[in-house]
Amino acid sequence: MEGWAAGTSSGLASAVRTELYTLRHRLWALHLLGGERSFTAPLSLTETGIAATLSALLARALRPRHHLGVG
């Protein structure tokens, strides 16, 4: 299970920076990130990136749901 584990606010900030770095790197590698290639630039997606994002969200919304401990 993924989650946040930080003892201080600086630890949380570091964790967020790490996650954003990973996200940007993956988007660049897949050619889904539009605009400037800089860690200070705002995130923006290409048209293909937007289509991929919407497709992934739809697939997640339509997947079967499993509830543990019910029944």
Protein backbone atom coordinates (compact mmCIF):
# COMPACT_ATOMS: atom_id res chain seq x y z
CA MET A 1 0.00 0.00 0.00
CA GLU A 2 1.35 3.43 -0.89
CA GLY A 3 1.10 6.35 1.47
CA TRP A 4 2.86 9.29 3.07
CA ALA A 5 5.23 8.84 5.98
CA ALA A 6 6.89 11.99 7.23
CA GLY A 7 7.81 13.03 10.74
CA THR A 8 8.14 16.73 9.99
CA SER A 9 6.81 19.22 7.48
CA SER A 10 10.22 19.31 5.76
CA GLY A 11 10.01 15.53 5.43
CA LEU A 12 6.60 15.87 3.79
CA ALA A 13 7.88 18.57 1.44
CA SER A 14 10.76 16.32 0.45
CA ALA A 15 8.38 13.42 -0.20
CA VAL A 16 6.16 15.63 -2.39
CA ARG A 17 9.19 16.88 -4.37
CA THR A 18 10.31 13.30 -4.93
CA GLU A 19 6.87 12.25 -6.19
CA LEU A 20 6.64 15.26 -8.52
CA TYR A 21 10.13 14.55 -9.88
CA THR A 22 9.12 10.95 -10.61
CA LEU A 23 5.88 12.06 -12.27
CA ARG A 24 7.66 14.63 -14.50
CA HIS A 25 10.32 12.10 -15.47
CA ARG A 26 7.71 9.53 -16.50
CA LEU A 27 5.67 12.10 -18.46
CA TRP A 28 8.81 13.26 -20.32
CA ALA A 29 9.81 9.66 -21.10
CA LEU A 30 6.35 8.96 -22.57
CA HIS A 31 6.30 12.29 -24.50
CA LEU A 32 3.14 13.32 -22.66
CA LEU A 33 4.50 16.47 -21.01
CA GLY A 34 4.06 19.67 -22.98
CA GLY A 35 5.69 23.03 -22.58
CA GLU A 36 9.05 23.82 -21.07
CA ARG A 37 11.26 21.04 -19.71
CA SER A 38 12.04 22.55 -16.34
CA PHE A 39 11.26 21.55 -12.78
CA THR A 40 10.12 25.09 -12.06
CA ALA A 41 7.69 25.19 -15.01
CA PRO A 42 4.05 24.30 -14.36
CA LEU A 43 2.95 20.84 -15.44
CA SER A 44 1.09 20.82 -18.74
CA LEU A 45 0.13 17.85 -20.86
CA THR A 46 0.18 17.38 -24.62
CA GLU A 47 -3.07 16.49 -26.37
CA THR A 48 -1.98 12.85 -26.26
CA GLY A 49 -1.21 13.24 -22.54
CA ILE A 50 -4.69 14.60 -21.87
CA ALA A 51 -6.29 11.74 -23.82
CA ALA A 52 -4.18 9.17 -21.92
CA THR A 53 -5.10 10.74 -18.58
CA LEU A 54 -8.82 10.74 -19.34
CA SER A 55 -8.62 7.14 -20.57
CA ALA A 56 -6.84 6.03 -17.38
CA LEU A 57 -9.37 7.83 -15.17
CA LEU A 58 -12.26 6.26 -17.05
CA ALA A 59 -10.74 2.78 -16.77
CA ARG A 60 -10.25 3.27 -13.03
CA ALA A 61 -13.82 4.54 -12.58
CA LEU A 62 -15.29 1.57 -14.46
CA ARG A 63 -13.23 -1.20 -12.88
CA PRO A 64 -14.89 -3.68 -10.53
CA ARG A 65 -14.94 -2.67 -6.91
CA HIS A 66 -14.01 -5.09 -4.15
CA HIS A 67 -14.99 -4.39 -0.58
CA LEU A 68 -13.09 -6.21 2.12
CA GLY A 69 -14.89 -7.42 5.19
CA VAL A 70 -18.40 -7.11 3.79
CA GLY A 71 -20.71 -10.06 4.03
